Amino acid sequence: MSVNITAQDVNKLRQMTGVGIMDCKKALVEANGDFDAAVDILRKKGQKVSANRAGRDAAEGVAIALTSADGTAGVTVELNCETDFVAKNDEFGGFAHKIAELALAQQPADIDALKALALDGRSISDHITDMIGKIGEKIELSKYILTKSEGVVSYIHSNKKIAVLVSLNKALNESIEAAGKDVAMQIAALSPVAVDKDDVDVDTVRREIEIGKEQARSEGKPEAMLEKIAMGKLNKFYKDNTLLNQDFVKDGSMTIAKMLDSVESGLTVKAFTRTQVG
C-alpha cells in the first residue's frame, strides 16, 4: 500500500538528518513513510558509509589554488577520496573547484567554518555526505589555506595533485605575475622547505648539522674538522632547499632571489604554501 508523502514529512526528515530534500523524499517513499526506517536508509546511503569508512585511507584527491581578481588574496583547498578513478572524475573535480571559489569569495576563518558555508543552498558538509553515499568512498575536505599579501600568485600542477600559492611583497603587474608563476612552478617541482635560511626551523638545522658530522666522521675526517665540514654541508642544504637561494630552473646563472630582483628591484617572496595530495 502506497503512503502519501507530504512536503511537511520531507521537511521534517530534512531537519532531522540534514540530508537533501530529494534524498529525504526517496527515503520516505522507500520506507513507506516510516521515519526511523527512512533515517536508516539515508545512513546506509550516506552517513553510514561515511562512518564505516572513517578508518579508510583517503590518500587520493585534488588540490585547487585560486586567487582573487585583484591578486591580493588566494586560497588552497584539498578534497580527498580513496581512489584515483574518483579523483579524476569531472564531478569530483568540479565540486572541489566550487569549494575553492566559495572559500575565496567568503574567506572563512578555518576549515570548519568553510564546511559550514552554504553552497547551492546546502552546507558543504551536506554535499560531501551526499557524495559519499553516491560514490561509496570516503571523501573529506582535509585542507583549507587562506593567503593575503600585496601580490598573490597561484599554480595548479596539470594532474591537480599539487597546488601552490606564492605571496609577493609588491602588487601584481604583468611581469611580476609572470615571475611569480615561475616561482610557483619551481616550488611545485622542487618543494623547498622554507623561503630563506632564517626561515628554516631549528630542529631541521640541528638535524642537518648532525647528519653532516656523521657523514664526515664516517669518511674518516678528524674530529676537530667535523663542525666546519658540517657547516659547509648546511650551507649546501640551504642552497638546495630554501627557495630564494635555489638556482632558478629556467636560468641556472641566477638564484630565485636574483631573478626576482631583476624583474623589479626589491621584489621578493614573503611566504609560500605547497599542498600535495597523498
Protein backbone atom coordinates (compact mmCIF):
# COMPACT_ATOMS: atom_id res chain seq x y z
CA MET A 1 0.00 0.00 0.00
CA SER A 2 1.43 3.33 -1.04
CA VAL A 3 1.71 6.10 1.53
CA ASN A 4 1.16 9.77 0.75
CA ILE A 5 4.41 11.61 1.46
CA THR A 6 3.78 15.28 2.18
CA ALA A 7 6.15 18.22 1.85
CA GLN A 8 5.93 18.58 5.64
CA ASP A 9 7.12 14.98 6.05
CA VAL A 10 10.05 15.58 3.74
CA ASN A 11 10.98 18.79 5.53
CA LYS A 12 10.77 17.05 8.91
CA LEU A 13 13.20 14.36 7.77
CA ARG A 14 15.41 17.06 6.26
CA GLN A 15 15.53 18.82 9.62
CA MET A 16 16.25 15.55 11.43
CA THR A 17 19.09 14.46 9.20
CA GLY A 18 20.41 17.48 7.31
CA VAL A 19 20.18 15.44 4.10
CA GLY A 20 18.92 16.93 0.82
CA ILE A 21 15.19 17.21 0.10
CA MET A 22 15.11 14.81 -2.86
CA ASP A 23 17.08 12.17 -0.97
CA CYS A 24 14.72 12.54 2.01
CA LYS A 25 11.68 12.11 -0.23
CA LYS A 26 13.10 8.98 -1.86
CA ALA A 27 13.95 7.52 1.54
CA LEU A 28 10.44 8.16 2.89
CA VAL A 29 8.87 6.59 -0.18
CA GLU A 30 11.12 3.55 0.14
CA ALA A 31 10.30 3.31 3.87
CA ASN A 32 6.55 3.76 3.30
CA GLY A 33 6.55 6.85 5.48
CA ASP A 34 8.35 5.29 8.44
CA PHE A 35 10.73 7.98 9.70
CA ASP A 36 13.02 5.62 11.62
CA ALA A 37 13.32 3.34 8.61
CA ALA A 38 13.93 6.36 6.35
CA VAL A 39 16.73 7.55 8.63
CA ASP A 40 18.29 4.08 8.40
CA ILE A 41 18.03 4.17 4.61
CA LEU A 42 19.74 7.56 4.48
CA ARG A 43 22.51 6.37 6.79
CA LYS A 44 23.08 3.33 4.61
CA LYS A 45 23.32 5.53 1.54
CA GLY A 46 25.41 8.30 3.05
CA GLN A 47 26.12 8.83 6.68
CA LYS A 48 26.64 5.16 7.45
CA VAL A 49 29.03 4.84 4.53
CA SER A 50 30.98 7.74 5.99
CA ALA A 51 31.13 6.14 9.44
CA ASN A 52 32.08 2.73 8.08
CA ARG A 53 34.88 4.27 6.08
CA ALA A 54 36.22 6.54 8.80
CA GLY A 55 39.35 4.42 9.08
CA ARG A 56 39.92 4.13 5.34
CA ASP A 57 42.82 5.95 3.77
CA ALA A 58 41.63 8.85 1.61
CA ALA A 59 45.03 9.43 0.03
CA GLU A 60 43.84 10.41 -3.44
CA GLY A 61 42.04 13.57 -4.49
CA VAL A 62 42.69 17.03 -5.91
CA ALA A 63 44.33 20.24 -4.72
CA ILE A 64 42.97 23.55 -6.02
CA ALA A 65 44.54 27.00 -5.69
CA LEU A 66 42.76 30.20 -6.75
CA THR A 67 43.49 33.91 -6.45
CA SER A 68 41.25 36.96 -6.30
CA ALA A 69 40.76 39.24 -9.31
CA ASP A 70 42.91 41.96 -7.73
CA GLY A 71 45.70 39.48 -6.90
CA THR A 72 45.80 40.25 -3.17
CA ALA A 73 44.28 37.02 -1.82
CA GLY A 74 44.47 33.33 -2.56
CA VAL A 75 43.09 30.05 -1.27
CA THR A 76 44.04 26.40 -1.48
CA VAL A 77 41.67 23.54 -0.77
CA GLU A 78 42.37 19.81 -0.80
CA LEU A 79 39.49 17.39 -1.31
CA ASN A 80 40.37 13.74 -0.75
CA CYS A 81 38.95 10.40 -1.82
CA GLU A 82 40.17 6.81 -1.83
CA THR A 83 40.87 6.07 -5.50
CA ASP A 84 42.49 7.88 -8.39
CA PHE A 85 39.49 6.89 -10.51
CA VAL A 86 37.23 9.10 -8.38
CA ALA A 87 39.85 11.87 -8.18
CA LYS A 88 39.83 12.10 -11.99
CA ASN A 89 36.03 12.24 -12.12
CA ASP A 90 34.80 15.57 -13.52
CA GLU A 91 32.05 15.88 -10.92
CA PHE A 92 34.51 15.38 -8.06
CA GLY A 93 36.99 17.88 -9.50
CA GLY A 94 34.23 20.37 -10.24
CA PHE A 95 32.98 20.11 -6.66
CA ALA A 96 36.48 20.82 -5.32
CA HIS A 97 36.70 23.86 -7.60
CA LYS A 98 33.33 25.15 -6.36
CA ILE A 99 34.54 24.81 -2.77
CA ALA A 100 37.66 26.81 -3.62
CA GLU A 101 35.60 29.52 -5.34
CA LEU A 102 33.33 29.79 -2.31
CA ALA A 103 36.32 29.87 0.05
CA LEU A 104 37.88 32.70 -1.96
CA ALA A 105 34.64 34.67 -2.02
CA GLN A 106 33.78 34.22 1.67
CA GLN A 107 37.27 33.78 3.20
CA PRO A 108 36.10 31.78 6.24
CA ALA A 109 38.32 31.70 9.33
CA ASP A 110 39.09 27.98 9.25
CA ILE A 111 38.18 24.67 7.65
CA ASP A 112 35.23 24.07 9.98
CA ALA A 113 33.77 27.43 9.01
CA LEU A 114 34.32 26.53 5.35
CA LYS A 115 32.47 23.23 5.75
CA ALA A 116 29.52 25.10 7.23
CA LEU A 117 29.20 27.55 4.32
CA ALA A 118 26.18 27.21 2.05
CA LEU A 119 26.78 26.00 -1.50
CA ASP A 120 23.66 25.92 -3.68
CA GLY A 121 21.52 26.25 -0.56
CA ARG A 122 23.14 23.48 1.49
CA SER A 123 26.30 23.23 3.56
CA ILE A 124 29.49 21.87 2.07
CA SER A 125 29.39 19.14 4.73
CA ASP A 126 25.98 18.04 3.48
CA HIS A 127 27.22 17.94 -0.10
CA ILE A 128 30.18 15.80 1.00
CA THR A 129 27.84 13.36 2.77
CA ASP A 130 25.72 13.10 -0.37
CA MET A 131 28.79 12.42 -2.49
CA ILE A 132 29.94 9.71 -0.07
CA GLY A 133 26.60 7.97 -0.48
CA LYS A 134 26.65 8.37 -4.25
CA ILE A 135 30.24 7.31 -4.86
CA GLY A 136 30.71 4.88 -1.97
CA GLU A 137 34.15 6.14 -0.95
CA LYS A 138 35.46 8.08 2.00
CA ILE A 139 35.57 11.75 0.98
CA GLU A 140 36.93 14.52 3.15
CA LEU A 141 37.85 18.17 2.89
CA SER A 142 41.26 17.96 4.52
CA LYS A 143 42.90 21.32 3.91
CA TYR A 144 42.00 24.98 3.54
CA ILE A 145 44.58 27.76 3.37
CA LEU A 146 43.89 31.49 3.03
CA THR A 147 46.74 33.79 1.98
CA LYS A 148 46.76 37.58 1.71
CA SER A 149 49.58 39.84 0.51
CA GLU A 150 50.41 42.73 -1.81
CA GLY A 151 50.54 40.17 -4.61
CA VAL A 152 49.47 36.52 -4.60
CA VAL A 153 50.08 34.07 -7.45
CA SER A 154 48.67 30.55 -7.73
CA TYR A 155 49.68 27.44 -9.64
CA ILE A 156 47.98 24.07 -10.03
CA HIS A 157 50.02 21.23 -11.50
CA SER A 158 48.45 19.52 -14.51
CA ASN A 159 47.49 16.41 -12.51
CA LYS A 160 45.75 18.56 -9.85
CA LYS A 161 47.82 16.82 -7.17
CA ILE A 162 49.96 19.88 -6.30
CA ALA A 163 48.71 23.41 -5.63
CA VAL A 164 50.94 26.39 -4.78
CA LEU A 165 50.33 29.91 -3.51
CA VAL A 166 53.15 32.49 -3.57
CA SER A 167 52.95 35.71 -1.56
CA LEU A 168 54.97 38.56 -3.04
CA ASN A 169 55.85 41.92 -1.49
CA LYS A 170 54.64 44.01 -4.43
CA ALA A 171 51.34 44.44 -6.26
CA LEU A 172 50.98 42.38 -9.41
CA ASN A 173 51.61 43.64 -12.88
CA GLU A 174 52.22 41.53 -15.98
CA SER A 175 55.95 40.98 -15.38
CA ILE A 176 55.65 40.43 -11.62
CA GLU A 177 52.81 37.95 -12.10
CA ALA A 178 54.83 36.04 -14.72
CA ALA A 179 57.81 35.88 -12.35
CA GLY A 180 55.54 34.75 -9.55
CA LYS A 181 54.18 31.99 -11.75
CA ASP A 182 57.72 30.81 -12.49
CA VAL A 183 58.45 30.76 -8.77
CA ALA A 184 55.26 28.82 -8.07
CA MET A 185 56.18 26.22 -10.69
CA GLN A 186 59.62 25.87 -9.14
CA ILE A 187 58.08 25.36 -5.71
CA ALA A 188 55.82 22.66 -7.16
CA ALA A 189 58.79 20.87 -8.74
CA LEU A 190 61.49 21.23 -6.06
CA SER A 191 59.49 21.55 -2.83
CA PRO A 192 61.73 23.93 -0.86
CA VAL A 193 61.47 23.72 2.93
CA ALA A 194 61.44 27.48 3.54
CA VAL A 195 61.67 30.88 1.85
CA ASP A 196 65.19 31.71 3.12
CA LYS A 197 67.86 30.44 5.53
CA ASP A 198 66.44 32.19 8.57
CA ASP A 199 63.05 30.56 7.98
CA VAL A 200 64.31 27.00 8.40
CA ASP A 201 63.15 25.62 11.74
CA VAL A 202 65.73 25.00 14.45
CA ASP A 203 65.15 21.23 14.59
CA THR A 204 65.87 20.89 10.87
CA VAL A 205 69.10 22.89 11.21
CA ARG A 206 70.25 20.76 14.12
CA ARG A 207 69.43 17.57 12.25
CA GLU A 208 71.34 18.67 9.15
CA ILE A 209 74.38 19.60 11.26
CA GLU A 210 74.36 16.20 12.98
CA ILE A 211 73.97 14.40 9.66
CA GLY A 212 76.88 16.43 8.26
CA LYS A 213 79.06 15.50 11.22
CA GLU A 214 78.22 11.81 10.97
CA GLN A 215 78.93 11.79 7.23
CA ALA A 216 82.30 13.43 7.79
CA ARG A 217 83.09 11.10 10.70
CA SER A 218 82.25 8.04 8.59
CA GLU A 219 84.63 9.35 5.91
CA GLY A 220 87.42 9.37 8.49
CA LYS A 221 87.70 13.13 8.88
CA PRO A 222 89.36 14.31 12.15
CA GLU A 223 87.03 15.32 14.99
CA ALA A 224 88.41 18.85 15.02
CA MET A 225 87.17 19.35 11.44
CA LEU A 226 83.66 17.93 11.85
CA GLU A 227 81.94 21.20 12.83
CA LYS A 228 83.41 23.13 9.92
CA ILE A 229 82.58 20.38 7.45
CA ALA A 230 79.04 20.12 8.82
CA MET A 231 78.50 23.86 8.43
CA GLY A 232 79.65 23.61 4.82
CA LYS A 233 77.10 20.88 4.22
CA LEU A 234 74.47 23.01 5.95
CA ASN A 235 75.15 25.87 3.55
CA LYS A 236 74.71 23.42 0.65
CA PHE A 237 71.43 22.34 2.21
CA TYR A 238 70.30 25.98 2.33
CA LYS A 239 71.16 26.46 -1.34
CA ASP A 240 69.31 23.35 -2.43
CA ASN A 241 66.29 23.63 -0.14
CA THR A 242 65.49 27.29 0.57
CA LEU A 243 63.56 28.99 -2.20
CA LEU A 244 65.41 32.30 -2.59
CA ASN A 245 68.78 30.55 -2.62
CA GLN A 246 67.86 27.88 -5.15
CA ASP A 247 69.13 28.20 -8.70
CA PHE A 248 66.32 29.37 -10.97
CA VAL A 249 65.41 26.32 -13.05
CA LYS A 250 64.88 28.39 -16.21
CA ASP A 251 68.26 30.12 -15.89
CA GLY A 252 70.85 28.42 -13.70
CA SER A 253 73.05 31.53 -13.72
CA MET A 254 70.65 33.20 -11.26
CA THR A 255 69.14 32.30 -7.94
CA ILE A 256 65.43 32.87 -7.40
CA ALA A 257 66.32 35.93 -5.33
CA LYS A 258 68.36 37.44 -8.17
CA MET A 259 65.75 36.58 -10.78
CA LEU A 260 63.04 38.38 -8.82
CA ASP A 261 65.23 41.42 -8.23
CA SER A 262 65.99 41.56 -11.95
CA VAL A 263 62.27 41.75 -12.71
CA GLU A 264 61.76 44.63 -10.28
CA SER A 265 64.20 45.97 -7.73
CA GLY A 266 63.32 44.74 -4.25
CA LEU A 267 60.81 42.15 -5.43
CA THR A 268 60.87 39.06 -3.20
CA VAL A 269 58.78 36.22 -1.79
CA LYS A 270 57.27 36.79 1.64
CA ALA A 271 55.78 33.30 2.04
CA PHE A 272 54.52 30.30 0.10
CA THR A 273 52.33 27.27 0.60
CA ARG A 274 52.66 23.98 -1.26
CA THR A 275 49.87 21.43 -0.97
CA GLN A 276 50.38 17.93 -2.35
CA VAL A 277 47.77 15.18 -2.35
CA GLY A 278 48.81 11.90 -0.72
